[in-house]
Amino acid sequence: MKADKLYLVGFMAAGKTTVARALARRLDWQAVDIDELIEQREHLTVAEIFAKRGEAYFRALEREILIDQTAWYPLENWLAAFSAIAESLGPRALFQIGQTAPSFVVLPPTLNDIHSGVAGVNVGYHMNHRKDGVPMFDPATGHMLTGIGDYGYAPVPGERRIISRCDTPYPCDFDRGIVLGFATKFEKGARIEHDDSAPCRKNGHPSCTYLISW
């Protein structure tokens, strides 16, 4: 299936519009600002929507416009988007975008603590990718297709630490943000460090290793 759109999500003032326009130029696409679409639809500015109707109303509008539950996008398009983000805004932007992933992807229903959360990153990753048009993880059967790498989960016995080795095609900083996003979903004080003693994709290796603690 050929993608006809990509969505960039992130914190306020993170540079989404700047990156979207740069990416649109590279792909010869049109860049559209979701805030502008909302303002046109509601005939109010974003600030006025927040003031008159509240944040919950605005977020519902965002989800309605932003999330297309039937759309699937080739991995190559995402990698092109991340490359443009890294060039325009640097690695920290990739890290911040990764942190927002748990809010915008389909997740397994069994996640209830930091261990199941970090372990569930790999399941969620495969649920949200397709191979030959088929989701790469089937919750009904537990069957997982291979070919796009994995997010590892290795708890350290007797310690509040988890080691995650990731060999996905995504950038190191984006994956670091994703893993932390899942961890902080269940432990607000969770921290993540890149294991600098292990190989890193920034140096041409196939994987990175992260240390999660709380």
N, C-alpha and C. Protein backbone atom coordinates (compact mmCIF):
# COMPACT_ATOMS: atom_id res chain seq x y z
N MET A 1 0.85 -1.20 0.00
CA MET A 1 0.00 0.00 0.00
C MET A 1 0.88 1.25 0.00
N LYS A 2 0.63 2.19 -0.89
CA LYS A 2 1.41 3.42 -0.96
C LYS A 2 0.85 4.44 -0.01
N ALA A 3 1.72 5.04 0.83
CA ALA A 3 1.26 6.03 1.79
C ALA A 3 0.92 7.33 1.09
N ASP A 4 -0.13 8.00 1.55
CA ASP A 4 -0.45 9.31 1.00
C ASP A 4 -0.34 10.40 2.05
N LYS A 5 0.06 10.04 3.26
CA LYS A 5 0.24 11.05 4.30
C LYS A 5 1.08 10.49 5.44
N LEU A 6 1.69 11.40 6.20
CA LEU A 6 2.39 11.07 7.44
C LEU A 6 1.98 12.11 8.48
N TYR A 7 1.91 11.68 9.74
CA TYR A 7 1.59 12.60 10.82
C TYR A 7 2.82 12.79 11.71
N LEU A 8 3.12 14.04 12.04
CA LEU A 8 4.18 14.35 12.99
C LEU A 8 3.52 14.82 14.28
N VAL A 9 3.87 14.19 15.40
CA VAL A 9 3.31 14.56 16.69
C VAL A 9 4.45 14.89 17.65
N GLY A 10 4.18 15.75 18.61
CA GLY A 10 5.21 16.11 19.56
C GLY A 10 4.73 17.20 20.49
N PHE A 11 5.60 17.64 21.38
CA PHE A 11 5.25 18.66 22.36
C PHE A 11 5.04 20.01 21.68
N MET A 12 4.35 20.92 22.37
CA MET A 12 4.13 22.26 21.86
C MET A 12 5.47 22.95 21.62
N ALA A 13 5.56 23.66 20.50
CA ALA A 13 6.77 24.42 20.15
C ALA A 13 7.99 23.53 19.92
N ALA A 14 7.74 22.25 19.62
CA ALA A 14 8.86 21.32 19.37
C ALA A 14 9.42 21.46 17.96
N GLY A 15 8.67 22.14 17.08
CA GLY A 15 9.15 22.33 15.72
C GLY A 15 8.45 21.45 14.69
N LYS A 16 7.24 20.98 15.03
CA LYS A 16 6.53 20.08 14.12
C LYS A 16 6.27 20.72 12.76
N THR A 17 5.83 21.98 12.78
CA THR A 17 5.52 22.67 11.52
C THR A 17 6.76 22.85 10.67
N THR A 18 7.87 23.22 11.31
CA THR A 18 9.13 23.39 10.58
C THR A 18 9.56 22.09 9.91
N VAL A 19 9.50 21.00 10.68
CA VAL A 19 9.90 19.70 10.13
C VAL A 19 8.93 19.26 9.04
N ALA A 20 7.63 19.47 9.26
CA ALA A 20 6.63 19.06 8.27
C ALA A 20 6.88 19.75 6.93
N ARG A 21 7.20 21.02 6.98
CA ARG A 21 7.44 21.75 5.73
C ARG A 21 8.72 21.27 5.05
N ALA A 22 9.76 20.98 5.86
CA ALA A 22 11.00 20.48 5.28
C ALA A 22 10.79 19.10 4.66
N LEU A 23 10.02 18.25 5.35
CA LEU A 23 9.74 16.92 4.84
C LEU A 23 8.87 16.98 3.58
N ALA A 24 7.90 17.90 3.58
CA ALA A 24 7.04 18.05 2.42
C ALA A 24 7.85 18.44 1.19
N ARG A 25 8.83 19.31 1.39
CA ARG A 25 9.68 19.69 0.25
C ARG A 25 10.47 18.50 -0.26
N ARG A 26 10.96 17.68 0.67
CA ARG A 26 11.77 16.52 0.27
C ARG A 26 10.93 15.49 -0.47
N LEU A 27 9.71 15.26 -0.02
CA LEU A 27 8.86 14.23 -0.63
C LEU A 27 7.96 14.79 -1.73
N ASP A 28 8.00 16.12 -1.91
CA ASP A 28 7.12 16.78 -2.87
C ASP A 28 5.65 16.55 -2.49
N TRP A 29 5.37 16.73 -1.19
CA TRP A 29 4.02 16.60 -0.66
C TRP A 29 3.55 17.97 -0.17
N GLN A 30 2.33 18.00 0.35
CA GLN A 30 1.77 19.20 0.96
C GLN A 30 1.84 19.07 2.48
N ALA A 31 2.25 20.13 3.16
CA ALA A 31 2.28 20.15 4.63
C ALA A 31 1.01 20.81 5.14
N VAL A 32 0.36 20.17 6.11
CA VAL A 32 -0.88 20.69 6.69
C VAL A 32 -0.72 20.75 8.20
N ASP A 33 -1.08 21.88 8.80
CA ASP A 33 -1.00 22.06 10.25
C ASP A 33 -2.36 21.69 10.86
N ILE A 34 -2.36 20.71 11.77
CA ILE A 34 -3.62 20.25 12.39
C ILE A 34 -4.30 21.39 13.16
N ASP A 35 -3.49 22.22 13.84
CA ASP A 35 -4.08 23.35 14.58
C ASP A 35 -4.86 24.26 13.64
N GLU A 36 -4.31 24.49 12.46
CA GLU A 36 -5.00 25.35 11.49
C GLU A 36 -6.31 24.72 11.03
N LEU A 37 -6.30 23.39 10.83
CA LEU A 37 -7.54 22.71 10.44
C LEU A 37 -8.60 22.84 11.53
N ILE A 38 -8.18 22.70 12.78
CA ILE A 38 -9.11 22.82 13.91
C ILE A 38 -9.67 24.24 13.98
N GLU A 39 -8.80 25.23 13.81
CA GLU A 39 -9.25 26.62 13.88
C GLU A 39 -10.25 26.93 12.77
N GLN A 40 -9.99 26.40 11.57
CA GLN A 40 -10.93 26.61 10.46
C GLN A 40 -12.27 25.94 10.74
N ARG A 41 -12.22 24.76 11.31
CA ARG A 41 -13.45 24.01 11.58
C ARG A 41 -14.28 24.65 12.69
N GLU A 42 -13.61 25.13 13.74
CA GLU A 42 -14.31 25.66 14.91
C GLU A 42 -14.55 27.17 14.84
N HIS A 43 -13.88 27.84 13.89
CA HIS A 43 -13.97 29.30 13.77
C HIS A 43 -13.50 29.98 15.06
N LEU A 44 -12.51 29.36 15.69
CA LEU A 44 -11.89 29.89 16.90
C LEU A 44 -10.39 29.60 16.83
N THR A 45 -9.60 30.42 17.51
CA THR A 45 -8.18 30.11 17.62
C THR A 45 -8.00 28.98 18.64
N VAL A 46 -6.84 28.36 18.62
CA VAL A 46 -6.57 27.30 19.59
C VAL A 46 -6.69 27.84 21.01
N ALA A 47 -6.16 29.04 21.24
CA ALA A 47 -6.24 29.65 22.58
C ALA A 47 -7.69 29.86 22.99
N GLU A 48 -8.54 30.27 22.06
CA GLU A 48 -9.95 30.49 22.38
C GLU A 48 -10.66 29.17 22.66
N ILE A 49 -10.30 28.11 21.94
CA ILE A 49 -10.90 26.80 22.20
C ILE A 49 -10.56 26.34 23.60
N PHE A 50 -9.29 26.48 23.99
CA PHE A 50 -8.87 26.09 25.34
C PHE A 50 -9.64 26.90 26.38
N ALA A 51 -9.78 28.21 26.14
CA ALA A 51 -10.42 29.09 27.12
C ALA A 51 -11.92 28.84 27.23
N LYS A 52 -12.58 28.61 26.10
CA LYS A 52 -14.04 28.51 26.10
C LYS A 52 -14.55 27.08 26.30
N ARG A 53 -13.79 26.08 25.79
CA ARG A 53 -14.31 24.71 25.79
C ARG A 53 -13.41 23.70 26.50
N GLY A 54 -12.19 24.12 26.83
CA GLY A 54 -11.33 23.25 27.62
C GLY A 54 -10.39 22.38 26.79
N GLU A 55 -9.37 21.89 27.46
CA GLU A 55 -8.36 21.08 26.78
C GLU A 55 -8.93 19.74 26.30
N ALA A 56 -9.80 19.13 27.11
CA ALA A 56 -10.35 17.83 26.72
C ALA A 56 -11.08 17.92 25.38
N TYR A 57 -11.82 19.01 25.17
CA TYR A 57 -12.53 19.21 23.92
C TYR A 57 -11.54 19.34 22.77
N PHE A 58 -10.48 20.12 22.99
CA PHE A 58 -9.48 20.31 21.94
C PHE A 58 -8.79 18.99 21.58
N ARG A 59 -8.42 18.22 22.61
CA ARG A 59 -7.74 16.94 22.35
C ARG A 59 -8.66 15.97 21.59
N ALA A 60 -9.94 16.02 21.88
CA ALA A 60 -10.88 15.16 21.14
C ALA A 60 -10.92 15.56 19.67
N LEU A 61 -10.87 16.86 19.40
CA LEU A 61 -10.82 17.32 18.02
C LEU A 61 -9.54 16.86 17.35
N GLU A 62 -8.44 16.95 18.06
CA GLU A 62 -7.16 16.50 17.52
C GLU A 62 -7.22 15.04 17.12
N ARG A 63 -7.72 14.20 18.05
CA ARG A 63 -7.78 12.77 17.77
C ARG A 63 -8.68 12.48 16.57
N GLU A 64 -9.80 13.20 16.51
CA GLU A 64 -10.75 12.98 15.41
C GLU A 64 -10.12 13.27 14.06
N ILE A 65 -9.33 14.34 14.00
CA ILE A 65 -8.70 14.74 12.75
C ILE A 65 -7.41 13.96 12.50
N LEU A 66 -6.66 13.73 13.56
CA LEU A 66 -5.30 13.20 13.42
C LEU A 66 -5.24 11.71 13.17
N ILE A 67 -6.01 10.94 13.94
CA ILE A 67 -5.81 9.49 13.93
C ILE A 67 -6.71 8.84 12.89
N ASP A 68 -6.08 8.24 11.91
CA ASP A 68 -6.79 7.45 10.89
C ASP A 68 -6.54 5.99 11.20
N GLN A 69 -7.52 5.35 11.81
CA GLN A 69 -7.34 3.98 12.27
C GLN A 69 -7.16 2.98 11.12
N THR A 70 -7.50 3.37 9.90
CA THR A 70 -7.39 2.44 8.78
C THR A 70 -6.09 2.61 7.99
N ALA A 71 -5.28 3.61 8.37
CA ALA A 71 -4.10 3.92 7.57
C ALA A 71 -2.86 3.17 8.06
N TRP A 72 -2.07 2.72 7.10
CA TRP A 72 -0.79 2.06 7.39
C TRP A 72 0.24 2.66 6.45
N TYR A 73 1.44 2.94 6.98
CA TYR A 73 2.42 3.66 6.19
C TYR A 73 3.72 2.87 6.11
N PRO A 74 4.32 2.83 4.91
CA PRO A 74 5.56 2.06 4.74
C PRO A 74 6.67 2.55 5.66
N LEU A 75 7.49 1.62 6.12
CA LEU A 75 8.58 1.94 7.01
C LEU A 75 9.51 2.97 6.39
N GLU A 76 9.70 2.90 5.07
CA GLU A 76 10.61 3.82 4.41
C GLU A 76 10.17 5.28 4.59
N ASN A 77 8.87 5.52 4.62
CA ASN A 77 8.37 6.89 4.80
C ASN A 77 8.68 7.41 6.20
N TRP A 78 8.52 6.53 7.19
CA TRP A 78 8.85 6.94 8.56
C TRP A 78 10.34 7.23 8.69
N LEU A 79 11.18 6.41 8.08
CA LEU A 79 12.62 6.63 8.17
C LEU A 79 13.01 7.94 7.49
N ALA A 80 12.35 8.25 6.37
CA ALA A 80 12.60 9.53 5.71
C ALA A 80 12.18 10.70 6.60
N ALA A 81 11.05 10.53 7.30
CA ALA A 81 10.58 11.58 8.20
C ALA A 81 11.58 11.78 9.34
N PHE A 82 12.05 10.71 9.93
CA PHE A 82 12.99 10.82 11.04
C PHE A 82 14.31 11.44 10.60
N SER A 83 14.73 11.13 9.38
CA SER A 83 15.96 11.72 8.85
C SER A 83 15.80 13.23 8.72
N ALA A 84 14.65 13.67 8.23
CA ALA A 84 14.39 15.10 8.09
C ALA A 84 14.34 15.78 9.45
N ILE A 85 13.72 15.11 10.43
CA ILE A 85 13.63 15.67 11.78
C ILE A 85 15.03 15.82 12.38
N ALA A 86 15.85 14.80 12.25
CA ALA A 86 17.20 14.84 12.80
C ALA A 86 18.01 15.96 12.17
N GLU A 87 17.87 16.14 10.85
CA GLU A 87 18.62 17.19 10.16
C GLU A 87 18.14 18.58 10.56
N SER A 88 16.83 18.73 10.75
CA SER A 88 16.26 20.06 11.02
C SER A 88 16.34 20.46 12.49
N LEU A 89 16.08 19.49 13.38
CA LEU A 89 15.93 19.83 14.80
C LEU A 89 16.91 19.10 15.72
N GLY A 90 17.56 18.08 15.21
CA GLY A 90 18.53 17.37 16.04
C GLY A 90 17.94 16.17 16.77
N PRO A 91 18.80 15.39 17.43
CA PRO A 91 18.38 14.13 18.07
C PRO A 91 17.39 14.31 19.21
N ARG A 92 17.43 15.43 19.91
CA ARG A 92 16.51 15.61 21.03
C ARG A 92 15.05 15.60 20.56
N ALA A 93 14.81 16.14 19.37
CA ALA A 93 13.44 16.14 18.84
C ALA A 93 12.97 14.71 18.60
N LEU A 94 13.86 13.85 18.08
CA LEU A 94 13.49 12.44 17.88
C LEU A 94 13.16 11.79 19.22
N PHE A 95 13.95 12.08 20.24
CA PHE A 95 13.72 11.53 21.58
C PHE A 95 12.35 11.97 22.10
N GLN A 96 12.01 13.24 21.95
CA GLN A 96 10.73 13.75 22.45
C GLN A 96 9.56 13.15 21.69
N ILE A 97 9.70 13.00 20.38
CA ILE A 97 8.62 12.39 19.60
C ILE A 97 8.42 10.94 20.02
N GLY A 98 9.53 10.22 20.24
CA GLY A 98 9.43 8.84 20.69
C GLY A 98 8.65 8.72 22.00
N GLN A 99 8.85 9.67 22.89
CA GLN A 99 8.16 9.63 24.19
C GLN A 99 6.64 9.70 24.05
N THR A 100 6.16 10.33 22.97
CA THR A 100 4.70 10.48 22.80
C THR A 100 4.05 9.24 22.20
N ALA A 101 4.85 8.29 21.73
CA ALA A 101 4.31 7.13 21.00
C ALA A 101 3.20 6.38 21.75
N PRO A 102 3.33 6.13 23.07
CA PRO A 102 2.27 5.37 23.75
C PRO A 102 0.89 6.01 23.66
N SER A 103 0.83 7.31 23.38
CA SER A 103 -0.46 8.01 23.31
C SER A 103 -1.13 7.87 21.95
N PHE A 104 -0.39 7.38 20.94
CA PHE A 104 -0.92 7.42 19.58
C PHE A 104 -0.90 6.08 18.86
N VAL A 105 -0.53 5.01 19.55
CA VAL A 105 -0.46 3.71 18.88
C VAL A 105 -1.41 2.73 19.55
N VAL A 106 -1.74 1.68 18.83
CA VAL A 106 -2.55 0.60 19.39
C VAL A 106 -1.67 -0.20 20.34
N LEU A 107 -2.15 -0.44 21.57
CA LEU A 107 -1.36 -1.13 22.58
C LEU A 107 -2.03 -2.43 23.02
N PRO A 108 -1.24 -3.39 23.46
CA PRO A 108 -1.83 -4.61 24.02
C PRO A 108 -2.65 -4.26 25.27
N PRO A 109 -3.75 -4.94 25.53
CA PRO A 109 -4.60 -4.61 26.68
C PRO A 109 -4.03 -5.09 28.01
N THR A 110 -2.93 -5.83 27.99
CA THR A 110 -2.42 -6.45 29.22
C THR A 110 -1.37 -5.60 29.94
N LEU A 111 -1.08 -4.41 29.46
CA LEU A 111 -0.04 -3.59 30.09
C LEU A 111 -0.58 -2.96 31.37
N ASN A 112 0.07 -3.24 32.51
CA ASN A 112 -0.43 -2.70 33.78
C ASN A 112 0.67 -2.28 34.74
N ASP A 113 1.94 -2.49 34.41
CA ASP A 113 3.03 -2.01 35.24
C ASP A 113 4.25 -1.80 34.37
N ILE A 114 5.35 -1.32 34.98
CA ILE A 114 6.51 -0.97 34.17
C ILE A 114 7.11 -2.19 33.47
N HIS A 115 7.03 -3.36 34.10
CA HIS A 115 7.59 -4.56 33.47
C HIS A 115 6.78 -4.96 32.24
N SER A 116 5.46 -5.04 32.39
CA SER A 116 4.64 -5.39 31.24
C SER A 116 4.69 -4.27 30.20
N GLY A 117 4.87 -3.01 30.67
CA GLY A 117 4.95 -1.89 29.75
C GLY A 117 6.17 -1.97 28.85
N VAL A 118 7.35 -2.17 29.45
CA VAL A 118 8.57 -2.24 28.66
C VAL A 118 8.58 -3.51 27.81
N ALA A 119 8.11 -4.62 28.40
CA ALA A 119 8.02 -5.85 27.61
C ALA A 119 7.03 -5.70 26.47
N GLY A 120 6.00 -4.89 26.68
CA GLY A 120 4.96 -4.72 25.67
C GLY A 120 5.34 -3.79 24.53
N VAL A 121 6.49 -3.09 24.65
CA VAL A 121 6.92 -2.23 23.56
C VAL A 121 7.06 -3.04 22.27
N ASN A 122 7.66 -4.21 22.39
CA ASN A 122 7.90 -5.03 21.20
C ASN A 122 6.59 -5.53 20.59
N VAL A 123 5.65 -5.89 21.46
CA VAL A 123 4.35 -6.34 20.96
C VAL A 123 3.63 -5.19 20.25
N GLY A 124 3.61 -4.01 20.92
CA GLY A 124 2.97 -2.85 20.30
C GLY A 124 3.63 -2.45 18.99
N TYR A 125 4.94 -2.57 18.95
CA TYR A 125 5.71 -2.26 17.73
C TYR A 125 5.24 -3.13 16.57
N HIS A 126 5.12 -4.42 16.82
CA HIS A 126 4.70 -5.33 15.75
C HIS A 126 3.21 -5.21 15.43
N MET A 127 2.39 -4.86 16.42
CA MET A 127 0.97 -4.65 16.15
C MET A 127 0.75 -3.48 15.20
N ASN A 128 1.66 -2.50 15.23
CA ASN A 128 1.49 -1.28 14.45
C ASN A 128 2.31 -1.27 13.16
N HIS A 129 2.81 -2.43 12.76
CA HIS A 129 3.48 -2.57 11.48
C HIS A 129 2.86 -3.74 10.72
N ARG A 130 2.92 -3.66 9.41
CA ARG A 130 2.36 -4.72 8.57
C ARG A 130 3.43 -5.32 7.66
N LYS A 131 3.22 -6.59 7.34
CA LYS A 131 4.06 -7.31 6.39
C LYS A 131 3.15 -7.95 5.37
N ASP A 132 3.29 -7.54 4.11
CA ASP A 132 2.39 -8.03 3.05
C ASP A 132 0.94 -7.77 3.40
N GLY A 133 0.69 -6.61 4.03
CA GLY A 133 -0.67 -6.22 4.35
C GLY A 133 -1.25 -6.81 5.62
N VAL A 134 -0.45 -7.61 6.34
CA VAL A 134 -0.94 -8.29 7.55
C VAL A 134 -0.24 -7.73 8.78
N PRO A 135 -0.99 -7.34 9.85
CA PRO A 135 -0.33 -6.89 11.08
C PRO A 135 0.67 -7.93 11.56
N MET A 136 1.82 -7.45 12.04
CA MET A 136 2.91 -8.36 12.37
C MET A 136 2.77 -9.02 13.73
N PHE A 137 1.73 -8.67 14.48
CA PHE A 137 1.41 -9.40 15.70
C PHE A 137 -0.10 -9.58 15.78
N ASP A 138 -0.52 -10.79 16.05
CA ASP A 138 -1.93 -11.11 16.17
C ASP A 138 -2.25 -11.38 17.64
N PRO A 139 -2.95 -10.45 18.35
CA PRO A 139 -3.25 -10.65 19.77
C PRO A 139 -4.07 -11.90 20.04
N ALA A 140 -4.87 -12.32 19.07
CA ALA A 140 -5.74 -13.49 19.27
C ALA A 140 -4.93 -14.78 19.36
N THR A 141 -3.86 -14.87 18.59
CA THR A 141 -3.06 -16.11 18.56
C THR A 141 -1.70 -15.97 19.22
N GLY A 142 -1.24 -14.71 19.41
CA GLY A 142 0.10 -14.50 19.95
C GLY A 142 1.19 -14.68 18.92
N HIS A 143 0.81 -14.86 17.66
CA HIS A 143 1.81 -15.09 16.61
C HIS A 143 2.43 -13.77 16.17
N MET A 144 3.77 -13.72 16.11
CA MET A 144 4.49 -12.52 15.72
C MET A 144 5.36 -12.82 14.50
N LEU A 145 5.21 -11.98 13.47
CA LEU A 145 6.04 -12.09 12.29
C LEU A 145 7.38 -11.39 12.54
N THR A 146 8.41 -11.82 11.85
CA THR A 146 9.75 -11.27 12.03
C THR A 146 10.15 -10.42 10.83
N GLY A 147 11.27 -9.73 11.00
CA GLY A 147 11.81 -8.99 9.86
C GLY A 147 12.04 -7.52 10.08
N ILE A 148 11.57 -6.96 11.22
CA ILE A 148 11.75 -5.52 11.47
C ILE A 148 12.49 -5.26 12.77
N GLY A 149 13.16 -6.29 13.31
CA GLY A 149 13.88 -6.10 14.57
C GLY A 149 12.97 -6.17 15.77
N ASP A 150 13.54 -5.96 16.95
CA ASP A 150 12.79 -6.11 18.20
C ASP A 150 13.24 -5.11 19.25
N TYR A 151 12.34 -4.86 20.21
CA TYR A 151 12.66 -4.13 21.43
C TYR A 151 12.81 -5.17 22.54
N GLY A 152 14.00 -5.28 23.09
CA GLY A 152 14.26 -6.32 24.08
C GLY A 152 13.78 -5.95 25.48
N TYR A 153 13.61 -6.98 26.31
CA TYR A 153 13.19 -6.80 27.71
C TYR A 153 13.93 -7.81 28.55
N ALA A 154 14.80 -7.33 29.46
CA ALA A 154 15.56 -8.21 30.34
C ALA A 154 15.62 -7.58 31.72
N PRO A 155 14.71 -7.97 32.63
CA PRO A 155 14.75 -7.41 33.98
C PRO A 155 15.99 -7.88 34.74
N VAL A 156 16.54 -7.01 35.56
CA VAL A 156 17.71 -7.36 36.37
C VAL A 156 17.20 -7.91 37.71
N PRO A 157 17.48 -9.17 38.01
CA PRO A 157 16.96 -9.79 39.25
C PRO A 157 17.34 -9.01 40.50
N GLY A 158 16.36 -8.77 41.37
CA GLY A 158 16.61 -8.11 42.64
C GLY A 158 16.82 -6.62 42.55
N GLU A 159 16.70 -6.03 41.36
CA GLU A 159 16.90 -4.59 41.20
C GLU A 159 15.73 -3.98 40.44
N ARG A 160 15.58 -2.68 40.64
CA ARG A 160 14.55 -1.95 39.90
C ARG A 160 15.18 -1.43 38.59
N ARG A 161 15.57 -2.38 37.77
CA ARG A 161 16.24 -2.05 36.50
C ARG A 161 15.83 -3.03 35.42
N ILE A 162 15.77 -2.53 34.21
CA ILE A 162 15.47 -3.35 33.03
C ILE A 162 16.48 -2.98 31.95
N ILE A 163 16.97 -3.99 31.27
CA ILE A 163 17.86 -3.77 30.14
C ILE A 163 17.08 -4.04 28.86
N SER A 164 17.14 -3.10 27.93
CA SER A 164 16.42 -3.26 26.66
C SER A 164 17.40 -3.08 25.51
N ARG A 165 17.62 -4.15 24.76
CA ARG A 165 18.46 -4.10 23.56
C ARG A 165 17.54 -3.98 22.35
N CYS A 166 17.73 -2.95 21.55
CA CYS A 166 16.85 -2.68 20.42
C CYS A 166 17.62 -2.78 19.12
N ASP A 167 17.07 -3.52 18.17
CA ASP A 167 17.70 -3.64 16.85
C ASP A 167 16.70 -3.32 15.74
N THR A 168 15.84 -2.32 15.98
CA THR A 168 14.89 -1.88 14.96
C THR A 168 15.61 -0.97 13.96
N PRO A 169 14.99 -0.68 12.84
CA PRO A 169 15.61 0.25 11.89
C PRO A 169 15.47 1.72 12.26
N TYR A 170 14.75 2.00 13.36
CA TYR A 170 14.54 3.39 13.76
C TYR A 170 15.79 3.99 14.40
N PRO A 171 15.90 5.32 14.43
CA PRO A 171 17.07 5.96 15.03
C PRO A 171 17.18 5.68 16.52
N CYS A 172 18.40 5.68 17.02
CA CYS A 172 18.68 5.42 18.43
C CYS A 172 17.88 6.34 19.35
N ASP A 173 17.89 7.64 19.08
CA ASP A 173 17.23 8.59 19.98
C ASP A 173 15.72 8.41 19.99
N PHE A 174 15.14 8.06 18.85
CA PHE A 174 13.71 7.81 18.80
C PHE A 174 13.35 6.59 19.64
N ASP A 175 14.11 5.51 19.50
CA ASP A 175 13.84 4.30 20.28
C ASP A 175 14.03 4.55 21.78
N ARG A 176 15.03 5.34 22.12
CA ARG A 176 15.25 5.67 23.54
C ARG A 176 14.03 6.39 24.09
N GLY A 177 13.44 7.29 23.30
CA GLY A 177 12.24 7.99 23.72
C GLY A 177 11.04 7.06 23.85
N ILE A 178 10.88 6.13 22.90
CA ILE A 178 9.76 5.18 22.96
C ILE A 178 9.83 4.34 24.23
N VAL A 179 11.00 3.77 24.50
CA VAL A 179 11.14 2.90 25.68
C VAL A 179 10.86 3.69 26.95
N LEU A 180 11.38 4.92 27.05
CA LEU A 180 11.10 5.73 28.23
C LEU A 180 9.63 6.09 28.31
N GLY A 181 8.99 6.37 27.17
CA GLY A 181 7.57 6.69 27.17
C GLY A 181 6.72 5.58 27.74
N PHE A 182 7.03 4.34 27.38
CA PHE A 182 6.31 3.20 27.93
C PHE A 182 6.62 3.02 29.41
N ALA A 183 7.87 3.26 29.80
CA ALA A 183 8.25 3.08 31.21
C ALA A 183 7.56 4.11 32.10
N THR A 184 7.56 5.38 31.69
CA THR A 184 6.97 6.43 32.51
C THR A 184 5.45 6.39 32.49
N LYS A 185 4.87 5.65 31.58
CA LYS A 185 3.42 5.47 31.59
C LYS A 185 2.98 4.78 32.88
N PHE A 186 3.88 3.98 33.46
CA PHE A 186 3.55 3.22 34.67
C PHE A 186 4.40 3.61 35.88
N GLU A 187 5.58 4.19 35.64
CA GLU A 187 6.44 4.69 36.72
C GLU A 187 6.91 6.08 36.34
N LYS A 188 6.26 7.11 36.90
CA LYS A 188 6.53 8.48 36.48
C LYS A 188 7.99 8.87 36.67
N GLY A 189 8.66 8.27 37.65
CA GLY A 189 10.03 8.63 37.93
C GLY A 189 11.06 7.79 37.19
N ALA A 190 10.62 7.01 36.24
CA ALA A 190 11.55 6.14 35.51
C ALA A 190 12.57 6.96 34.73
N ARG A 191 13.77 6.44 34.62
CA ARG A 191 14.85 7.09 33.88
C ARG A 191 15.42 6.11 32.87
N ILE A 192 16.06 6.64 31.84
CA ILE A 192 16.68 5.78 30.84
C ILE A 192 18.06 6.31 30.50
N GLU A 193 19.00 5.39 30.32
CA GLU A 193 20.35 5.75 29.91
C GLU A 193 20.76 4.87 28.73
N HIS A 194 21.51 5.45 27.84
CA HIS A 194 22.09 4.66 26.75
C HIS A 194 23.33 3.97 27.30
N ASP A 195 23.45 2.67 27.08
CA ASP A 195 24.62 1.92 27.55
C ASP A 195 25.77 2.20 26.57
N ASP A 196 26.63 3.13 26.96
CA ASP A 196 27.71 3.54 26.07
C ASP A 196 28.80 2.48 25.93
N SER A 197 28.76 1.45 26.78
CA SER A 197 29.74 0.38 26.66
C SER A 197 29.31 -0.67 25.62
N ALA A 198 28.06 -0.55 25.17
CA ALA A 198 27.53 -1.49 24.17
C ALA A 198 27.54 -0.83 22.79
N PRO A 199 27.37 -1.61 21.72
CA PRO A 199 27.32 -1.04 20.36
C PRO A 199 26.17 -0.05 20.21
N CYS A 200 26.26 0.83 19.21
CA CYS A 200 25.22 1.82 18.96
C CYS A 200 25.01 1.97 17.45
N ARG A 201 23.76 2.17 17.06
CA ARG A 201 23.45 2.32 15.65
C ARG A 201 24.06 3.59 15.05
N LYS A 202 24.31 4.59 15.92
CA LYS A 202 24.95 5.81 15.42
C LYS A 202 26.36 5.53 14.90
N ASN A 203 26.95 4.44 15.37
CA ASN A 203 28.30 4.08 14.95
C ASN A 203 28.30 2.94 13.93
N GLY A 204 27.14 2.68 13.34
CA GLY A 204 27.07 1.67 12.30
C GLY A 204 26.75 0.28 12.77
N HIS A 205 26.49 0.10 14.07
CA HIS A 205 26.15 -1.22 14.59
C HIS A 205 24.65 -1.47 14.44
N PRO A 206 24.21 -2.72 14.52
CA PRO A 206 22.80 -3.03 14.27
C PRO A 206 21.88 -2.80 15.48
N SER A 207 22.41 -2.48 16.64
CA SER A 207 21.55 -2.37 17.82
C SER A 207 22.09 -1.34 18.80
N CYS A 208 21.20 -0.96 19.74
CA CYS A 208 21.55 -0.10 20.87
C CYS A 208 21.01 -0.76 22.13
N THR A 209 21.61 -0.45 23.28
CA THR A 209 21.15 -1.00 24.55
C THR A 209 20.84 0.13 25.51
N TYR A 210 19.67 0.03 26.17
CA TYR A 210 19.22 1.07 27.10
C TYR A 210 19.04 0.47 28.48
N LEU A 211 19.33 1.26 29.49
CA LEU A 211 19.18 0.87 30.89
C LEU A 211 18.06 1.68 31.51
N ILE A 212 16.99 1.01 31.92
CA ILE A 212 15.84 1.69 32.52
C ILE A 212 15.87 1.43 34.03
N SER A 213 15.71 2.49 34.82
CA SER A 213 15.69 2.33 36.28
C SER A 213 14.61 3.23 36.87
N TRP A 214 14.17 2.89 38.08
CA TRP A 214 13.12 3.68 38.75
C TRP A 214 13.17 3.49 40.25
